[in-house]
Amino acid sequence: MDNFKVKELLTGLPIVNHHAADMDVGSKEMVVTYTNSDGRICQFESGCFTGNLDETVHILQREGVTDAAMESTGIYGGSPVRKAGNIRH
Protein backbone atom coordinates (compact mmCIF):
# COMPACT_ATOMS: atom_id res chain seq x y z
CA MET A 1 0.00 0.00 0.00
CA ASP A 2 0.98 3.64 0.33
CA ASN A 3 1.45 4.29 -3.37
CA PHE A 4 1.12 8.02 -2.81
CA LYS A 5 4.12 10.33 -2.71
CA VAL A 6 3.90 12.09 0.66
CA LYS A 7 5.69 15.39 1.06
CA GLU A 8 6.48 17.16 4.30
CA LEU A 9 5.28 20.74 4.68
CA LEU A 10 6.37 23.65 6.85
CA THR A 11 3.94 26.08 8.41
CA GLY A 12 4.05 29.13 10.61
CA LEU A 13 0.55 28.50 11.97
CA PRO A 14 -0.03 26.57 15.18
CA ILE A 15 -1.59 23.12 14.89
CA VAL A 16 -4.85 23.10 16.83
CA ASN A 17 -5.76 19.42 16.42
CA HIS A 18 -2.89 16.99 15.87
CA HIS A 19 -5.35 14.26 14.87
CA ALA A 20 -7.11 16.12 12.06
CA ALA A 21 -6.78 16.03 8.29
CA ASP A 22 -7.88 18.39 5.55
CA MET A 23 -9.19 16.99 2.27
CA ASP A 24 -9.68 19.08 -0.88
CA VAL A 25 -11.81 16.88 -3.13
CA GLY A 26 -12.32 17.43 -6.85
CA SER A 27 -13.77 15.37 -9.66
CA LYS A 28 -10.46 13.69 -10.58
CA GLU A 29 -8.12 14.12 -7.62
CA MET A 30 -7.98 15.02 -3.99
CA VAL A 31 -5.25 16.62 -1.92
CA VAL A 32 -4.95 15.41 1.67
CA THR A 33 -2.99 17.21 4.40
CA TYR A 34 -2.52 15.75 7.88
CA THR A 35 -0.16 15.66 10.85
CA ASN A 36 1.63 12.31 10.95
CA SER A 37 2.41 10.26 14.06
CA ASP A 38 5.79 12.07 14.36
CA GLY A 39 4.08 15.49 14.45
CA ARG A 40 5.15 16.47 10.93
CA ILE A 41 2.68 18.08 8.52
CA CYS A 42 2.36 15.88 5.43
CA GLN A 43 0.46 16.15 2.17
CA PHE A 44 -0.30 13.84 -0.74
CA GLU A 45 -2.40 13.83 -3.88
CA SER A 46 -4.69 10.95 -4.66
CA GLY A 47 -7.15 9.90 -7.30
CA CYS A 48 -10.84 9.61 -6.47
CA PHE A 49 -11.48 5.97 -7.39
CA THR A 50 -12.52 3.43 -4.75
CA GLY A 51 -9.00 1.99 -4.40
CA ASN A 52 -7.56 5.48 -3.91
CA LEU A 53 -10.16 6.26 -1.25
CA ASP A 54 -9.51 2.97 0.56
CA GLU A 55 -5.77 3.68 0.62
CA THR A 56 -6.32 7.25 1.80
CA VAL A 57 -8.48 6.06 4.71
CA HIS A 58 -5.88 3.40 5.56
CA ILE A 59 -3.09 6.01 5.69
CA LEU A 60 -5.11 8.43 7.81
CA GLN A 61 -6.18 5.74 10.27
CA ARG A 62 -2.60 4.45 10.55
CA GLU A 63 -1.40 7.99 11.31
CA GLY A 64 -4.00 8.40 14.07
CA VAL A 65 -6.30 10.84 12.29
CA THR A 66 -9.68 11.01 14.05
CA ASP A 67 -11.20 14.12 12.41
CA ALA A 68 -11.31 15.40 8.84
CA ALA A 69 -12.39 18.69 7.31
CA MET A 70 -13.33 18.57 3.67
CA GLU A 71 -13.71 21.14 0.90
CA SER A 72 -15.50 19.98 -2.19
CA THR A 73 -17.39 21.55 -5.05
CA GLY A 74 -20.41 19.74 -6.36
CA ILE A 75 -21.17 16.19 -5.29
CA TYR A 76 -17.59 14.94 -5.07
CA GLY A 77 -17.34 15.01 -1.27
CA GLY A 78 -19.86 12.24 -0.74
CA SER A 79 -17.58 9.29 -1.48
CA PRO A 80 -14.76 10.23 0.93
CA VAL A 81 -17.33 10.83 3.67
CA ARG A 82 -18.85 7.36 3.15
CA LYS A 83 -15.40 5.72 3.12
CA ALA A 84 -14.10 7.55 6.21
CA GLY A 85 -15.29 4.86 8.59
CA ASN A 86 -14.47 5.92 12.15
CA ILE A 87 -12.96 9.27 11.13
CA ARG A 88 -15.29 12.11 12.16
CA HIS A 89 -16.16 14.61 9.45
PDB file of N, CA and C in Angstrom:
ATOM      1  N   MET A   1       0.829  -1.194   0.000  1.00  0.00           N
ATOM      2  CA  MET A   1       0.000   0.000   0.000  1.00  0.00           C
ATOM      3  C   MET A   1       0.865   1.245   0.000  1.00  0.00           C
ATOM      4  N   ASP A   2       0.284   2.356   0.287  1.00  0.00           N
ATOM      5  CA  ASP A   2       0.977   3.639   0.328  1.00  0.00           C
ATOM      6  C   ASP A   2       1.658   3.958  -0.994  1.00  0.00           C
ATOM      7  N   ASN A   3       0.918   3.965  -2.057  1.00  0.00           N
ATOM      8  CA  ASN A   3       1.447   4.290  -3.373  1.00  0.00           C
ATOM      9  C   ASN A   3       1.564   5.791  -3.601  1.00  0.00           C
ATOM     10  N   PHE A   4       1.105   6.585  -2.656  1.00  0.00           N
ATOM     11  CA  PHE A   4       1.120   8.020  -2.806  1.00  0.00           C
ATOM     12  C   PHE A   4       2.468   8.591  -2.385  1.00  0.00           C
ATOM     13  N   LYS A   5       2.895   9.631  -3.072  1.00  0.00           N
ATOM     14  CA  LYS A   5       4.117  10.332  -2.706  1.00  0.00           C
ATOM     15  C   LYS A   5       3.748  11.381  -1.653  1.00  0.00           C
ATOM     16  N   VAL A   6       4.211  11.187  -0.434  1.00  0.00           N
ATOM     17  CA  VAL A   6       3.897  12.090   0.661  1.00  0.00           C
ATOM     18  C   VAL A   6       5.028  13.093   0.795  1.00  0.00           C
ATOM     19  N   LYS A   7       4.665  14.379   0.866  1.00  0.00           N
ATOM     20  CA  LYS A   7       5.693  15.394   1.059  1.00  0.00           C
ATOM     21  C   LYS A   7       5.461  16.082   2.397  1.00  0.00           C
ATOM     22  N   GLU A   8       6.550  16.486   3.015  1.00  0.00           N
ATOM     23  CA  GLU A   8       6.483  17.160   4.303  1.00  0.00           C
ATOM     24  C   GLU A   8       6.374  18.661   4.068  1.00  0.00           C
ATOM     25  N   LEU A   9       5.517  19.316   4.832  1.00  0.00           N
ATOM     26  CA  LEU A   9       5.276  20.744   4.684  1.00  0.00           C
ATOM     27  C   LEU A   9       5.743  21.501   5.927  1.00  0.00           C
ATOM     28  N   LEU A  10       6.037  22.764   5.745  1.00  0.00           N
ATOM     29  CA  LEU A  10       6.366  23.651   6.854  1.00  0.00           C
ATOM     30  C   LEU A  10       5.236  24.654   6.994  1.00  0.00           C
ATOM     31  N   THR A  11       4.991  25.092   8.198  1.00  0.00           N
ATOM     32  CA  THR A  11       3.943  26.082   8.414  1.00  0.00           C
ATOM     33  C   THR A  11       4.315  26.991   9.565  1.00  0.00           C
ATOM     34  N   GLY A  12       3.835  28.206   9.522  1.00  0.00           N
ATOM     35  CA  GLY A  12       4.047  29.131  10.613  1.00  0.00           C
ATOM     36  C   GLY A  12       2.836  29.196  11.531  1.00  0.00           C
ATOM     37  N   LEU A  13       1.771  28.497  11.162  1.00  0.00           N
ATOM     38  CA  LEU A  13       0.554  28.503  11.966  1.00  0.00           C
ATOM     39  C   LEU A  13       0.590  27.393  12.999  1.00  0.00           C
ATOM     40  N   PRO A  14       0.006  27.632  14.169  1.00  0.00           N
ATOM     41  CA  PRO A  14      -0.030  26.569  15.178  1.00  0.00           C
ATOM     42  C   PRO A  14      -1.007  25.468  14.771  1.00  0.00           C
ATOM     43  N   ILE A  15      -0.703  24.253  15.150  1.00  0.00           N
ATOM     44  CA  ILE A  15      -1.587  23.119  14.885  1.00  0.00           C
ATOM     45  C   ILE A  15      -2.547  23.018  16.067  1.00  0.00           C
ATOM     46  N   VAL A  16      -3.834  23.116  15.781  1.00  0.00           N
ATOM     47  CA  VAL A  16      -4.846  23.097  16.833  1.00  0.00           C
ATOM     48  C   VAL A  16      -5.229  21.662  17.194  1.00  0.00           C
ATOM     49  N   ASN A  17      -5.385  20.811  16.202  1.00  0.00           N
ATOM     50  CA  ASN A  17      -5.763  19.416  16.422  1.00  0.00           C
ATOM     51  C   ASN A  17      -4.759  18.534  15.698  1.00  0.00           C
ATOM     52  N   HIS A  18      -3.926  17.835  16.454  1.00  0.00           N
ATOM     53  CA  HIS A  18      -2.888  16.988  15.866  1.00  0.00           C
ATOM     54  C   HIS A  18      -3.446  15.692  15.270  1.00  0.00           C
ATOM     55  N   HIS A  19      -4.731  15.479  15.399  1.00  0.00           N
ATOM     56  CA  HIS A  19      -5.350  14.257  14.874  1.00  0.00           C
ATOM     57  C   HIS A  19      -6.364  14.571  13.776  1.00  0.00           C
ATOM     58  N   ALA A  20      -6.164  15.711  13.098  1.00  0.00           N
ATOM     59  CA  ALA A  20      -7.109  16.121  12.060  1.00  0.00           C
ATOM     60  C   ALA A  20      -6.434  16.134  10.692  1.00  0.00           C
ATOM     61  N   ALA A  21      -7.248  15.959   9.673  1.00  0.00           N
ATOM     62  CA  ALA A  21      -6.782  16.030   8.290  1.00  0.00           C
ATOM     63  C   ALA A  21      -7.666  17.009   7.532  1.00  0.00           C
ATOM     64  N   ASP A  22      -7.129  17.527   6.443  1.00  0.00           N
ATOM     65  CA  ASP A  22      -7.881  18.385   5.545  1.00  0.00           C
ATOM     66  C   ASP A  22      -7.899  17.703   4.190  1.00  0.00           C
ATOM     67  N   MET A  23      -9.058  17.636   3.572  1.00  0.00           N
ATOM     68  CA  MET A  23      -9.190  16.995   2.268  1.00  0.00           C
ATOM     69  C   MET A  23      -9.825  17.978   1.301  1.00  0.00           C
ATOM     70  N   ASP A  24      -9.144  18.246   0.201  1.00  0.00           N
ATOM     71  CA  ASP A  24      -9.682  19.080  -0.878  1.00  0.00           C
ATOM     72  C   ASP A  24     -10.049  18.129  -2.007  1.00  0.00           C
ATOM     73  N   VAL A  25     -11.328  17.928  -2.225  1.00  0.00           N
ATOM     74  CA  VAL A  25     -11.807  16.885  -3.129  1.00  0.00           C
ATOM     75  C   VAL A  25     -12.344  17.498  -4.420  1.00  0.00           C
ATOM     76  N   GLY A  26     -11.841  17.017  -5.532  1.00  0.00           N
ATOM     77  CA  GLY A  26     -12.319  17.433  -6.845  1.00  0.00           C
ATOM     78  C   GLY A  26     -12.875  16.250  -7.600  1.00  0.00           C
ATOM     79  N   SER A  27     -13.174  16.439  -8.866  1.00  0.00           N
ATOM     80  CA  SER A  27     -13.769  15.369  -9.660  1.00  0.00           C
ATOM     81  C   SER A  27     -12.752  14.288 -10.041  1.00  0.00           C
ATOM     82  N   LYS A  28     -11.471  14.643 -10.124  1.00  0.00           N
ATOM     83  CA  LYS A  28     -10.456  13.691 -10.581  1.00  0.00           C
ATOM     84  C   LYS A  28      -9.353  13.427  -9.570  1.00  0.00           C
ATOM     85  N   GLU A  29      -9.168  14.329  -8.617  1.00  0.00           N
ATOM     86  CA  GLU A  29      -8.124  14.116  -7.621  1.00  0.00           C
ATOM     87  C   GLU A  29      -8.499  14.787  -6.312  1.00  0.00           C
ATOM     88  N   MET A  30      -7.814  14.368  -5.268  1.00  0.00           N
ATOM     89  CA  MET A  30      -7.978  15.025  -3.985  1.00  0.00           C
ATOM     90  C   MET A  30      -6.603  15.229  -3.378  1.00  0.00           C
ATOM     91  N   VAL A  31      -6.482  16.303  -2.622  1.00  0.00           N
ATOM     92  CA  VAL A  31      -5.247  16.623  -1.919  1.00  0.00           C
ATOM     93  C   VAL A  31      -5.545  16.489  -0.435  1.00  0.00           C
ATOM     94  N   VAL A  32      -4.731  15.697   0.259  1.00  0.00           N
ATOM     95  CA  VAL A  32      -4.951  15.411   1.671  1.00  0.00           C
ATOM     96  C   VAL A  32      -3.753  15.920   2.468  1.00  0.00           C
ATOM     97  N   THR A  33      -4.032  16.697   3.512  1.00  0.00           N
ATOM     98  CA  THR A  33      -2.994  17.210   4.402  1.00  0.00           C
ATOM     99  C   THR A  33      -3.319  16.738   5.810  1.00  0.00           C
ATOM    100  N   TYR A  34      -2.305  16.269   6.527  1.00  0.00           N
ATOM    101  CA  TYR A  34      -2.517  15.752   7.882  1.00  0.00           C
ATOM    102  C   TYR A  34      -1.224  15.874   8.677  1.00  0.00           C
ATOM    103  N   THR A  35      -1.330  15.716   9.980  1.00  0.00           N
ATOM    104  CA  THR A  35      -0.156  15.659  10.846  1.00  0.00           C
ATOM    105  C   THR A  35       0.125  14.190  11.106  1.00  0.00           C
ATOM    106  N   ASN A  36       1.350  13.734  10.783  1.00  0.00           N
ATOM    107  CA  ASN A  36       1.632  12.306  10.954  1.00  0.00           C
ATOM    108  C   ASN A  36       1.936  11.980  12.414  1.00  0.00           C
ATOM    109  N   SER A  37       2.190  10.716  12.683  1.00  0.00           N
ATOM    110  CA  SER A  37       2.413  10.263  14.058  1.00  0.00           C
ATOM    111  C   SER A  37       3.682  10.848  14.673  1.00  0.00           C
ATOM    112  N   ASP A  38       4.582  11.406  13.853  1.00  0.00           N
ATOM    113  CA  ASP A  38       5.785  12.069  14.364  1.00  0.00           C
ATOM    114  C   ASP A  38       5.584  13.571  14.558  1.00  0.00           C
ATOM    115  N   GLY A  39       4.373  14.077  14.282  1.00  0.00           N
ATOM    116  CA  GLY A  39       4.079  15.489  14.446  1.00  0.00           C
ATOM    117  C   GLY A  39       4.443  16.345  13.250  1.00  0.00           C
ATOM    118  N   ARG A  40       4.811  15.724  12.140  1.00  0.00           N
ATOM    119  CA  ARG A  40       5.148  16.472  10.925  1.00  0.00           C
ATOM    120  C   ARG A  40       3.900  16.658  10.060  1.00  0.00           C
ATOM    121  N   ILE A  41       3.804  17.818   9.425  1.00  0.00           N
ATOM    122  CA  ILE A  41       2.682  18.081   8.525  1.00  0.00           C
ATOM    123  C   ILE A  41       3.013  17.463   7.169  1.00  0.00           C
ATOM    124  N   CYS A  42       2.130  16.602   6.685  1.00  0.00           N
ATOM    125  CA  CYS A  42       2.356  15.876   5.434  1.00  0.00           C
ATOM    126  C   CYS A  42       1.193  16.112   4.479  1.00  0.00           C
ATOM    127  N   GLN A  43       1.490  15.945   3.194  1.00  0.00           N
ATOM    128  CA  GLN A  43       0.464  16.147   2.173  1.00  0.00           C
ATOM    129  C   GLN A  43       0.692  15.165   1.027  1.00  0.00           C
ATOM    130  N   PHE A  44      -0.401  14.663   0.467  1.00  0.00           N
ATOM    131  CA  PHE A  44      -0.296  13.839  -0.739  1.00  0.00           C
ATOM    132  C   PHE A  44      -1.501  14.062  -1.626  1.00  0.00           C
ATOM    133  N   GLU A  45      -1.317  13.760  -2.899  1.00  0.00           N
ATOM    134  CA  GLU A  45      -2.398  13.828  -3.878  1.00  0.00           C
ATOM    135  C   GLU A  45      -2.843  12.415  -4.199  1.00  0.00           C
ATOM    136  N   SER A  46      -4.121  12.263  -4.408  1.00  0.00           N
ATOM    137  CA  SER A  46      -4.693  10.953  -4.661  1.00  0.00           C
ATOM    138  C   SER A  46      -5.753  11.068  -5.737  1.00  0.00           C
ATOM    139  N   GLY A  47      -6.019   9.959  -6.394  1.00  0.00           N
ATOM    140  CA  GLY A  47      -7.155   9.898  -7.295  1.00  0.00           C
ATOM    141  C   GLY A  47      -8.429   9.764  -6.490  1.00  0.00           C
ATOM    142  N   CYS A  48      -9.543   9.680  -7.148  1.00  0.00           N
ATOM    143  CA  CYS A  48     -10.835   9.610  -6.465  1.00  0.00           C
ATOM    144  C   CYS A  48     -11.573   8.291  -6.691  1.00  0.00           C
ATOM    145  N   PHE A  49     -10.868   7.276  -7.196  1.00  0.00           N
ATOM    146  CA  PHE A  49     -11.484   5.974  -7.388  1.00  0.00           C
ATOM    147  C   PHE A  49     -11.529   5.224  -6.062  1.00  0.00           C
ATOM    148  N   THR A  50     -12.322   4.177  -5.988  1.00  0.00           N
ATOM    149  CA  THR A  50     -12.520   3.431  -4.751  1.00  0.00           C
ATOM    150  C   THR A  50     -11.202   2.978  -4.134  1.00  0.00           C
ATOM    151  N   GLY A  51     -10.291   2.439  -4.928  1.00  0.00           N
ATOM    152  CA  GLY A  51      -9.001   1.993  -4.404  1.00  0.00           C
ATOM    153  C   GLY A  51      -8.195   3.131  -3.799  1.00  0.00           C
ATOM    154  N   ASN A  52      -8.248   4.304  -4.440  1.00  0.00           N
ATOM    155  CA  ASN A  52      -7.561   5.479  -3.905  1.00  0.00           C
ATOM    156  C   ASN A  52      -8.160   5.897  -2.569  1.00  0.00           C
ATOM    157  N   LEU A  53      -9.492   5.881  -2.490  1.00  0.00           N
ATOM    158  CA  LEU A  53     -10.164   6.265  -1.250  1.00  0.00           C
ATOM    159  C   LEU A  53      -9.846   5.285  -0.128  1.00  0.00           C
ATOM    160  N   ASP A  54      -9.841   3.983  -0.443  1.00  0.00           N
ATOM    161  CA  ASP A  54      -9.510   2.973   0.557  1.00  0.00           C
ATOM    162  C   ASP A  54      -8.099   3.192   1.095  1.00  0.00           C
ATOM    163  N   GLU A  55      -7.155   3.464   0.199  1.00  0.00           N
ATOM    164  CA  GLU A  55      -5.772   3.678   0.616  1.00  0.00           C
ATOM    165  C   GLU A  55      -5.637   4.959   1.434  1.00  0.00           C
ATOM    166  N   THR A  56      -6.358   5.997   1.052  1.00  0.00           N
ATOM    167  CA  THR A  56      -6.324   7.251   1.804  1.00  0.00           C
ATOM    168  C   THR A  56      -6.819   7.037   3.229  1.00  0.00           C
ATOM    169  N   VAL A  57      -7.938   6.342   3.378  1.00  0.00           N
ATOM    170  CA  VAL A  57      -8.482   6.062   4.709  1.00  0.00           C
ATOM    171  C   VAL A  57      -7.481   5.226   5.512  1.00  0.00           C
ATOM    172  N   HIS A  58      -6.862   4.235   4.883  1.00  0.00           N
ATOM    173  CA  HIS A  58      -5.876   3.400   5.558  1.00  0.00           C
ATOM    174  C   HIS A  58      -4.715   4.254   6.099  1.00  0.00           C
ATOM    175  N   ILE A  59      -4.199   5.146   5.273  1.00  0.00           N
ATOM    176  CA  ILE A  59      -3.089   6.010   5.690  1.00  0.00           C
ATOM    177  C   ILE A  59      -3.507   6.888   6.860  1.00  0.00           C
ATOM    178  N   LEU A  60      -4.660   7.525   6.758  1.00  0.00           N
ATOM    179  CA  LEU A  60      -5.106   8.431   7.814  1.00  0.00           C
ATOM    180  C   LEU A  60      -5.365   7.698   9.119  1.00  0.00           C
ATOM    181  N   GLN A  61      -5.961   6.520   9.046  1.00  0.00           N
ATOM    182  CA  GLN A  61      -6.179   5.740  10.265  1.00  0.00           C
ATOM    183  C   GLN A  61      -4.859   5.291  10.879  1.00  0.00           C
ATOM    184  N   ARG A  62      -3.922   4.870  10.057  1.00  0.00           N
ATOM    185  CA  ARG A  62      -2.601   4.448  10.545  1.00  0.00           C
ATOM    186  C   ARG A  62      -1.880   5.596  11.249  1.00  0.00           C
ATOM    187  N   GLU A  63      -2.064   6.818  10.742  1.00  0.00           N
ATOM    188  CA  GLU A  63      -1.402   7.989  11.311  1.00  0.00           C
ATOM    189  C   GLU A  63      -2.171   8.581  12.493  1.00  0.00           C
ATOM    190  N   GLY A  64      -3.267   7.970  12.888  1.00  0.00           N
ATOM    191  CA  GLY A  64      -3.996   8.405  14.074  1.00  0.00           C
ATOM    192  C   GLY A  64      -4.976   9.538  13.844  1.00  0.00           C
ATOM    193  N   VAL A  65      -5.350   9.776  12.587  1.00  0.00           N
ATOM    194  CA  VAL A  65      -6.301  10.839  12.291  1.00  0.00           C
ATOM    195  C   VAL A  65      -7.692  10.415  12.763  1.00  0.00           C
ATOM    196  N   THR A  66      -8.339  11.294  13.540  1.00  0.00           N
ATOM    197  CA  THR A  66      -9.680  11.014  14.055  1.00  0.00           C
ATOM    198  C   THR A  66     -10.724  11.983  13.512  1.00  0.00           C
ATOM    199  N   ASP A  67     -10.292  13.104  12.933  1.00  0.00           N
ATOM    200  CA  ASP A  67     -11.202  14.115  12.413  1.00  0.00           C
ATOM    201  C   ASP A  67     -10.730  14.558  11.033  1.00  0.00           C
ATOM    202  N   ALA A  68     -11.675  14.909  10.171  1.00  0.00           N
ATOM    203  CA  ALA A  68     -11.314  15.400   8.841  1.00  0.00           C
ATOM    204  C   ALA A  68     -12.235  16.537   8.446  1.00  0.00           C
ATOM    205  N   ALA A  69     -11.637  17.580   7.895  1.00  0.00           N
ATOM    206  CA  ALA A  69     -12.394  18.687   7.308  1.00  0.00           C
ATOM    207  C   ALA A  69     -12.264  18.552   5.801  1.00  0.00           C
ATOM    208  N   MET A  70     -13.358  18.786   5.100  1.00  0.00           N
ATOM    209  CA  MET A  70     -13.333  18.567   3.665  1.00  0.00           C
ATOM    210  C   MET A  70     -13.890  19.778   2.919  1.00  0.00           C
ATOM    211  N   GLU A  71     -13.227  20.114   1.823  1.00  0.00           N
ATOM    212  CA  GLU A  71     -13.715  21.139   0.900  1.00  0.00           C
ATOM    213  C   GLU A  71     -13.969  20.439  -0.412  1.00  0.00           C
ATOM    214  N   SER A  72     -15.157  20.646  -0.949  1.00  0.00           N
ATOM    215  CA  SER A  72     -15.504  19.984  -2.192  1.00  0.00           C
ATOM    216  C   SER A  72     -16.527  20.825  -2.934  1.00  0.00           C
ATOM    217  N   THR A  73     -16.367  20.898  -4.238  1.00  0.00           N
ATOM    218  CA  THR A  73     -17.385  21.549  -5.050  1.00  0.00           C
ATOM    219  C   THR A  73     -18.254  20.461  -5.668  1.00  0.00           C
ATOM    220  N   GLY A  74     -19.512  20.718  -5.772  1.00  0.00           N
ATOM    221  CA  GLY A  74     -20.411  19.738  -6.365  1.00  0.00           C
ATOM    222  C   GLY A  74     -20.648  18.557  -5.446  1.00  0.00           C
ATOM    223  N   ILE A  75     -20.801  17.394  -6.031  1.00  0.00           N
ATOM    224  CA  ILE A  75     -21.174  16.187  -5.285  1.00  0.00           C
ATOM    225  C   ILE A  75     -19.974  15.326  -4.902  1.00  0.00           C
ATOM    226  N   TYR A  76     -18.767  15.783  -5.183  1.00  0.00           N
ATOM    227  CA  TYR A  76     -17.589  14.936  -5.067  1.00  0.00           C
ATOM    228  C   TYR A  76     -17.218  14.572  -3.641  1.00  0.00           C
ATOM    229  N   GLY A  77     -17.698  15.292  -2.662  1.00  0.00           N
ATOM    230  CA  GLY A  77     -17.339  15.013  -1.274  1.00  0.00           C
ATOM    231  C   GLY A  77     -18.049  13.825  -0.671  1.00  0.00           C
ATOM    232  N   GLY A  78     -19.087  13.335  -1.306  1.00  0.00           N
ATOM    233  CA  GLY A  78     -19.856  12.236  -0.735  1.00  0.00           C
ATOM    234  C   GLY A  78     -19.087  10.944  -0.570  1.00  0.00           C
ATOM    235  N   SER A  79     -18.302  10.564  -1.552  1.00  0.00           N
ATOM    236  CA  SER A  79     -17.580   9.289  -1.485  1.00  0.00           C
ATOM    237  C   SER A  79     -16.549   9.248  -0.354  1.00  0.00           C
ATOM    238  N   PRO A  80     -15.694  10.275  -0.197  1.00  0.00           N
ATOM    239  CA  PRO A  80     -14.757  10.230   0.931  1.00  0.00           C
ATOM    240  C   PRO A  80     -15.464  10.172   2.278  1.00  0.00           C
ATOM    241  N   VAL A  81     -16.590  10.853   2.411  1.00  0.00           N
ATOM    242  CA  VAL A  81     -17.334  10.827   3.674  1.00  0.00           C
ATOM    243  C   VAL A  81     -17.825   9.411   3.960  1.00  0.00           C
ATOM    244  N   ARG A  82     -18.356   8.724   2.957  1.00  0.00           N
ATOM    245  CA  ARG A  82     -18.854   7.364   3.153  1.00  0.00           C
ATOM    246  C   ARG A  82     -17.718   6.392   3.456  1.00  0.00           C
ATOM    247  N   LYS A  83     -16.531   6.616   2.911  1.00  0.00           N
ATOM    248  CA  LYS A  83     -15.396   5.720   3.121  1.00  0.00           C
ATOM    249  C   LYS A  83     -14.668   5.974   4.425  1.00  0.00           C
ATOM    250  N   ALA A  84     -14.903   7.116   5.061  1.00  0.00           N
ATOM    251  CA  ALA A  84     -14.102   7.546   6.208  1.00  0.00           C
ATOM    252  C   ALA A  84     -14.185   6.606   7.408  1.00  0.00           C
ATOM    253  N   GLY A  85     -15.196   5.816   7.482  1.00  0.00           N
ATOM    254  CA  GLY A  85     -15.288   4.862   8.590  1.00  0.00           C
ATOM    255  C   GLY A  85     -15.393   5.575   9.935  1.00  0.00           C
ATOM    256  N   ASN A  86     -14.416   5.342  10.818  1.00  0.00           N
ATOM    257  CA  ASN A  86     -14.471   5.917  12.150  1.00  0.00           C
ATOM    258  C   ASN A  86     -13.825   7.307  12.244  1.00  0.00           C
ATOM    259  N   ILE A  87     -13.508   7.918  11.122  1.00  0.00           N
ATOM    260  CA  ILE A  87     -12.962   9.273  11.130  1.00  0.00           C
ATOM    261  C   ILE A  87     -14.137  10.239  11.108  1.00  0.00           C
ATOM    262  N   ARG A  88     -14.205  11.127  12.108  1.00  0.00           N
ATOM    263  CA  ARG A  88     -15.291  12.114  12.157  1.00  0.00           C
ATOM    264  C   ARG A  88     -15.109  13.145  11.068  1.00  0.00           C
ATOM    265  N   HIS A  89     -16.199  13.617  10.502  1.00  0.00           N
ATOM    266  CA  HIS A  89     -16.164  14.614   9.448  1.00  0.00           C
ATOM    267  C   HIS A  89     -17.179  15.691   9.709  1.00  0.00           C
TER     268      HIS A  89
END
